[in-house]
Protein backbone atom coordinates (compact mmCIF):
# COMPACT_ATOMS: atom_id res chain seq x y z
CA MET A 1 -16.27 22.40 5.00
CA ALA A 2 -15.37 20.89 8.37
CA THR A 3 -12.48 18.43 8.79
CA VAL A 4 -12.50 15.00 10.44
CA PRO A 5 -10.43 14.45 13.67
CA VAL A 6 -7.85 11.87 13.07
CA SER A 7 -5.78 10.02 15.74
CA LEU A 8 -3.69 6.89 16.32
CA SER A 9 -6.04 3.96 17.35
CA LYS A 10 -5.60 3.22 21.00
CA GLU A 11 -6.60 -0.46 20.98
CA ARG A 12 -5.92 -1.58 17.42
CA LEU A 13 -3.50 -0.89 14.47
CA GLY A 14 -4.15 2.11 12.38
CA LEU A 15 -6.00 5.40 12.70
CA ASP A 16 -9.26 6.47 13.97
CA LEU A 17 -11.41 8.80 12.18
CA ARG A 18 -14.28 10.40 13.94
CA MET A 19 -16.57 10.91 10.95
CA TYR A 20 -19.61 11.99 12.89
CA ASP A 21 -18.44 14.88 14.97
CA GLY A 22 -20.59 17.91 14.28
CA PRO A 23 -22.87 18.58 11.33
CA GLY A 24 -21.96 17.55 7.66
CA PRO A 25 -20.57 17.99 5.41
CA VAL A 26 -17.22 16.78 6.57
CA THR A 27 -14.03 15.52 4.70
CA SER A 28 -11.01 13.88 6.05
CA ASP A 29 -7.10 14.57 5.33
CA THR A 30 -5.89 12.81 2.15
CA TRP A 31 -3.55 9.95 1.88
CA SER A 32 -1.55 8.82 -1.16
CA PHE A 33 -0.14 5.61 -2.33
CA GLY A 34 1.42 4.74 -5.71
CA GLY A 35 -0.30 7.66 -7.70
CA TRP A 36 -3.59 7.00 -5.85
CA ARG A 37 -5.41 9.50 -3.63
CA LEU A 38 -7.69 8.33 -0.79
CA TYR A 39 -9.99 10.30 1.52
CA PHE A 40 -13.43 10.19 3.18
CA VAL A 41 -16.51 12.30 3.22
CA ARG A 42 -19.59 12.35 5.24
CA LEU A 43 -22.77 13.96 3.93
CA ASP A 44 -25.98 14.60 5.79
CA GLY A 45 -29.27 14.23 4.00
CA GLY A 46 -29.38 15.93 0.58
CA GLN A 47 -25.92 17.67 1.00
CA LYS A 48 -23.42 17.74 -1.79
CA ILE A 49 -19.66 18.05 -2.41
CA ASP A 50 -17.57 19.11 -5.47
CA LEU A 51 -15.09 16.30 -6.56
CA GLY A 52 -12.81 18.40 -8.83
CA GLN A 53 -10.02 15.72 -8.72
CA GLU A 54 -7.23 15.43 -11.42
CA GLY A 55 -7.53 11.83 -12.54
CA THR A 56 -10.07 9.08 -12.53
CA THR A 57 -12.36 9.18 -9.50
CA TYR A 58 -14.02 6.13 -7.90
CA ILE A 59 -16.62 6.05 -5.05
CA LYS A 60 -17.09 3.22 -2.56
CA VAL A 61 -20.36 3.98 -0.37
CA VAL A 62 -19.77 2.73 3.17
CA THR A 63 -23.09 3.53 4.75
CA GLY A 64 -26.38 5.36 3.62
CA ALA A 65 -26.88 6.22 -0.12
CA LEU A 66 -26.05 8.67 -2.77
CA ALA A 67 -28.81 10.19 -4.92
CA SER A 68 -26.03 11.30 -7.48
CA PRO A 69 -24.50 9.11 -8.73
CA ALA A 70 -26.89 6.60 -7.43
CA ARG A 71 -24.94 4.14 -5.16
CA ILE A 72 -25.46 1.95 -2.25
CA PRO A 73 -22.97 0.14 0.05
CA TYR A 74 -23.65 -3.38 -1.25
CA ILE A 75 -24.50 -4.41 -4.90
CA GLU A 76 -25.95 -7.75 -5.85
CA ALA A 77 -24.62 -10.75 -4.12
CA ARG A 78 -21.49 -12.13 -5.81
CA SER A 79 -21.65 -9.62 -8.66
CA LEU A 80 -19.32 -6.93 -9.92
CA ALA A 81 -19.69 -3.14 -10.25
CA ASP A 82 -17.54 -0.58 -11.69
CA THR A 83 -17.24 2.27 -9.09
CA ARG A 84 -16.02 5.00 -11.42
CA VAL A 85 -17.84 8.29 -11.31
CA THR A 86 -18.05 10.82 -14.09
CA GLU A 87 -20.12 13.44 -12.25
CA SER A 88 -18.49 16.48 -10.75
CA GLU A 89 -20.17 16.28 -7.65
CA LEU A 90 -21.54 13.81 -5.04
CA VAL A 91 -25.25 14.34 -3.69
CA ALA A 92 -26.48 12.41 -0.62
CA GLY A 93 -29.69 10.74 -0.38
CA ALA A 94 -32.30 11.65 2.17
CA ASP A 95 -30.57 9.71 5.06
CA GLY A 96 -27.06 10.96 4.17
CA ALA A 97 -23.93 8.81 3.17
CA LEU A 98 -20.38 7.91 4.42
CA VAL A 99 -18.22 7.34 1.40
CA THR A 100 -14.53 6.75 0.47
CA VAL A 101 -13.14 8.52 -2.49
CA LEU A 102 -10.32 7.00 -4.48
CA VAL A 103 -8.49 8.97 -7.29
CA LYS A 104 -6.16 7.41 -9.72
CA THR A 105 -3.86 9.92 -10.99
CA PRO A 106 -1.55 9.73 -14.24
CA ALA A 107 1.41 8.82 -11.82
CA ALA A 108 -0.25 5.42 -10.92
CA PRO A 109 1.79 2.63 -12.61
CA ASN A 110 0.27 -0.10 -14.81
CA HIS A 111 1.45 -2.73 -12.50
CA VAL A 112 2.70 -2.72 -8.95
CA ARG A 113 6.06 -4.53 -8.67
CA SER A 114 6.99 -3.70 -5.10
CA MET A 115 5.46 -2.53 -1.90
CA ASN A 116 7.89 0.55 -2.31
CA ASP A 117 5.81 1.39 -5.14
CA ILE A 118 2.67 2.00 -2.95
CA ALA A 119 3.90 3.26 0.34
CA LEU A 120 1.32 5.35 2.15
CA VAL A 121 2.08 9.13 2.57
CA GLY A 122 -0.19 11.34 4.68
CA PRO A 123 -0.85 12.23 8.27
CA HIS A 124 0.63 9.56 10.67
CA ALA A 125 2.00 7.66 7.68
CA ASP A 126 4.74 6.38 9.87
CA HIS A 127 2.09 4.09 11.41
CA LEU A 128 0.83 2.82 8.15
CA GLY A 129 3.81 0.75 6.89
CA TRP A 130 3.69 -2.48 4.96
CA THR A 131 4.32 -5.73 6.66
CA SER A 132 3.92 -9.36 5.57
CA PHE A 133 0.94 -11.64 6.20
CA GLY A 134 3.32 -13.99 7.59
CA GLU A 135 4.67 -11.50 10.29
CA ARG A 136 1.20 -10.05 11.11
CA PHE A 137 -0.38 -13.25 11.84
CA ALA A 138 2.53 -15.25 13.11
CA ALA A 139 0.73 -15.65 16.56
CA TYR A 140 -2.38 -17.39 15.09
CA THR A 141 -0.96 -19.40 12.12
CA ASP A 142 2.06 -20.39 10.11
CA TYR A 143 -0.14 -20.61 6.90
CA PHE A 144 1.17 -17.33 5.39
CA ASN A 145 4.82 -17.88 6.10
CA GLY A 146 6.75 -17.31 2.85
CA LEU A 147 3.92 -16.15 0.89
CA ASP A 148 4.40 -12.96 -1.06
CA ALA A 149 1.75 -10.91 0.37
CA GLY A 150 1.47 -7.81 2.59
CA LEU A 151 -0.73 -5.46 4.45
CA THR A 152 -0.88 -2.16 6.16
CA PRO A 153 -2.68 -1.06 9.15
CA GLY A 154 -5.57 1.00 8.26
CA PHE A 155 -8.55 3.41 8.84
CA HIS A 156 -11.22 2.97 11.59
CA LEU A 157 -14.24 5.12 10.67
CA LEU A 158 -16.14 5.90 13.85
CA ASP A 159 -19.49 7.18 14.76
CA ALA A 160 -20.54 9.87 17.11
CA ASN A 161 -20.00 7.63 20.08
CA GLY A 162 -16.76 6.33 18.98
CA ASP A 163 -18.02 2.88 17.95
CA GLU A 164 -16.52 1.42 14.54
CA ILE A 165 -18.46 1.78 11.49
CA CYS A 166 -15.97 0.30 9.16
CA TYR A 167 -12.34 -0.69 9.08
CA LEU A 168 -10.49 -0.57 5.79
CA TYR A 169 -6.68 -1.01 4.90
CA LEU A 170 -4.52 -2.16 2.01
CA TRP A 171 -3.32 -5.50 1.20
CA THR A 172 -1.47 -7.24 -1.68
CA ALA A 173 -1.35 -10.84 -3.14
CA GLY A 174 1.51 -11.85 -5.41
CA LYS A 175 1.10 -14.01 -8.54
CA GLY A 176 -0.66 -17.29 -7.67
CA VAL A 177 -0.83 -16.42 -3.92
CA ASP A 178 -3.97 -18.01 -2.15
CA LEU A 179 -4.75 -16.02 0.88
CA SER A 180 -6.25 -18.84 2.63
CA THR A 181 -9.71 -20.57 2.60
CA HIS A 182 -11.65 -19.15 5.53
CA ASN A 183 -15.01 -18.28 6.81
CA HIS A 184 -14.63 -15.47 9.45
CA GLY A 185 -16.01 -17.91 11.91
CA ARG A 186 -14.02 -16.77 14.99
CA PRO A 187 -16.15 -15.15 17.69
CA PRO A 188 -15.97 -11.48 17.65
CA GLY A 189 -14.50 -9.35 20.55
CA PRO A 190 -13.99 -5.77 21.61
CA THR A 191 -11.18 -5.15 19.17
CA SER A 192 -12.35 -7.60 16.45
CA PRO A 193 -16.11 -6.64 15.84
CA ALA A 194 -18.24 -8.84 13.53
CA PHE A 195 -18.25 -7.40 10.12
CA ALA A 196 -19.83 -7.94 6.48
CA GLU A 197 -17.06 -7.46 4.13
CA VAL A 198 -16.64 -6.71 0.48
CA HIS A 199 -13.47 -5.76 -1.56
CA TRP A 200 -12.40 -2.89 -3.68
CA VAL A 201 -9.53 -3.56 -6.18
CA VAL A 202 -6.94 -0.94 -6.63
CA SER A 203 -4.90 -3.10 -9.12
CA ASN A 204 -5.38 -6.69 -10.51
CA GLY A 205 -1.80 -7.63 -11.29
CA THR A 206 -2.49 -10.25 -13.79
CA GLY A 207 -6.23 -9.45 -14.46
CA THR A 208 -7.35 -12.74 -13.23
CA GLY A 209 -7.03 -12.62 -9.22
CA GLY A 210 -10.16 -12.58 -7.58
CA MET A 211 -12.62 -13.88 -4.89
CA TYR A 212 -13.43 -17.61 -4.92
CA GLU A 213 -16.10 -19.83 -2.97
CA THR A 214 -15.63 -23.54 -2.22
CA ALA A 215 -17.24 -26.21 -0.31
CA GLU A 216 -14.40 -26.59 2.36
CA PRO A 217 -10.78 -25.98 2.84
CA GLY A 218 -8.83 -28.31 0.37
CA ALA A 219 -11.80 -28.91 -1.93
CA ALA A 220 -10.82 -29.37 -5.57
CA HIS A 221 -13.60 -27.09 -7.06
CA ARG A 222 -13.62 -23.38 -6.72
CA ASP A 223 -16.13 -20.95 -8.00
CA ARG A 224 -13.91 -17.95 -9.29
CA LEU A 225 -14.89 -14.34 -9.50
CA PRO A 226 -11.99 -12.27 -10.88
CA VAL A 227 -12.28 -8.57 -9.72
CA PRO A 228 -10.94 -5.92 -12.17
CA GLU A 229 -9.35 -2.59 -11.00
CA GLY A 230 -11.86 -0.02 -9.97
CA PHE A 231 -14.53 -2.67 -9.31
CA GLU A 232 -16.12 -3.84 -6.18
CA HIS A 233 -17.85 -7.23 -5.59
CA GLY A 234 -21.09 -8.16 -3.92
CA PRO A 235 -21.75 -9.89 -0.60
CA PHE A 236 -20.43 -13.37 -0.02
CA PHE A 237 -21.84 -13.24 3.48
CA GLU A 238 -25.33 -14.40 4.26
CA PHE A 239 -28.19 -11.89 4.99
CA ASP A 240 -31.93 -11.97 5.76
CA ALA A 241 -34.95 -10.54 4.18
CA SER A 242 -34.27 -7.19 5.80
CA GLY A 243 -30.73 -7.04 4.53
CA ALA A 244 -29.08 -7.56 7.98
CA PRO A 245 -26.17 -9.93 8.14
CA VAL A 246 -27.01 -13.56 9.35
CA LEU A 247 -25.17 -14.37 12.51
CA ARG A 248 -23.60 -17.60 13.91
CA GLU A 249 -24.42 -18.64 17.48
CA ASN A 250 -21.13 -17.25 18.51
CA GLY A 251 -21.89 -13.80 16.93
CA ALA A 252 -19.74 -13.96 13.92
CA VAL A 253 -21.30 -13.20 10.49
CA MET A 254 -22.23 -16.29 8.54
CA TYR A 255 -19.79 -16.66 5.37
CA PRO A 256 -19.29 -19.76 3.18
CA TRP A 257 -15.58 -20.96 2.81
CA HIS A 258 -14.04 -18.41 0.49
CA GLY A 259 -10.85 -16.50 -0.12
CA TRP A 260 -8.75 -14.50 -2.54
CA GLN A 261 -6.67 -16.12 -5.24
CA GLY A 262 -3.97 -14.39 -7.07
CA GLY A 263 -3.82 -14.96 -10.75
CA ASP A 264 -0.82 -16.07 -12.86
CA ASP A 265 -0.19 -14.58 -16.34
CA GLY A 266 3.03 -16.78 -17.12
CA GLN A 267 5.04 -13.60 -17.58
CA PRO A 268 8.30 -12.84 -15.68
CA GLY A 269 8.33 -10.57 -12.68
CA GLN A 270 5.91 -9.77 -10.05
CA ALA A 271 2.58 -7.86 -10.37
CA TYR A 272 0.55 -7.82 -7.28
CA ASP A 273 -3.15 -7.66 -6.73
CA VAL A 274 -3.83 -4.68 -4.55
CA VAL A 275 -6.96 -4.65 -2.78
CA ILE A 276 -8.95 -2.69 -0.10
CA PRO A 277 -11.19 -4.75 2.20
CA PHE A 278 -14.26 -2.74 3.59
CA GLU A 279 -15.00 -4.53 6.83
CA ILE A 280 -18.56 -2.79 7.71
CA THR A 281 -19.54 -3.67 11.35
CA VAL A 282 -22.80 -5.56 11.98
CA PRO A 283 -24.83 -2.48 13.25
CA TYR A 284 -24.07 -0.58 10.12
CA ALA A 285 -24.05 -3.36 7.50
CA ARG A 286 -27.40 -3.48 5.50
CA VAL A 287 -28.02 -4.94 2.02
CA THR A 288 -30.76 -2.91 0.23
CA ALA A 289 -32.39 -3.38 -3.21
């Protein structure tokens, strides 16, 4: 099976993976963190790949569709889906599929207490280190200063032309941390394309952390959607009858005011929510029935 070329991203943090160089099937290198393994697979129409992993395997479809198990990139809006698979192989639908494979091994802890517990290991791992939200976004806002939340550079999945299909990375939120009420309304640019985002959960520290939607920043009421480990949630962004994201006048995807709120179990010690956002760019983002 062909392998995926990987290199340091020239314009953004993280790694570029050229997922569409040559015919499928292709599989990437593997990265590990805190007892989990992560890699990427591209299958052309009808192709298959054996999984054969030790541990519990989860699949997040990025584009296209799987025929077995039957999976698509976006589930029903504001709903939840368990992404665990019990099948021994993946089979692509007629148009192929780009997927992320995550494997929880017996070495994974029940709770993540420290960023040191989930350091990324693998090719170019020295460029995938953890930093705080406050440090990463200091040039834009002081909102995150002092919050117990971190993130890594991530993986840019690219098409045959070198354009971005999806950007994904790891972030954490400590107990009670609100990662801001936002709507992704900034205009997109060459290094910040418009995207239709969903989240996949590695660990829910208290079991109660999750997404929320609210009328405006500071509003008293929030509609909460806790997201368990191994689950993804459906779209919060708006999409039209064809499944394409609805865009603002400035080209950004239309979202309501929303965010992620860490839970609080009243127990001593830290237990982080660990989450992977999948920022699928507008040309590749389609919500299908």
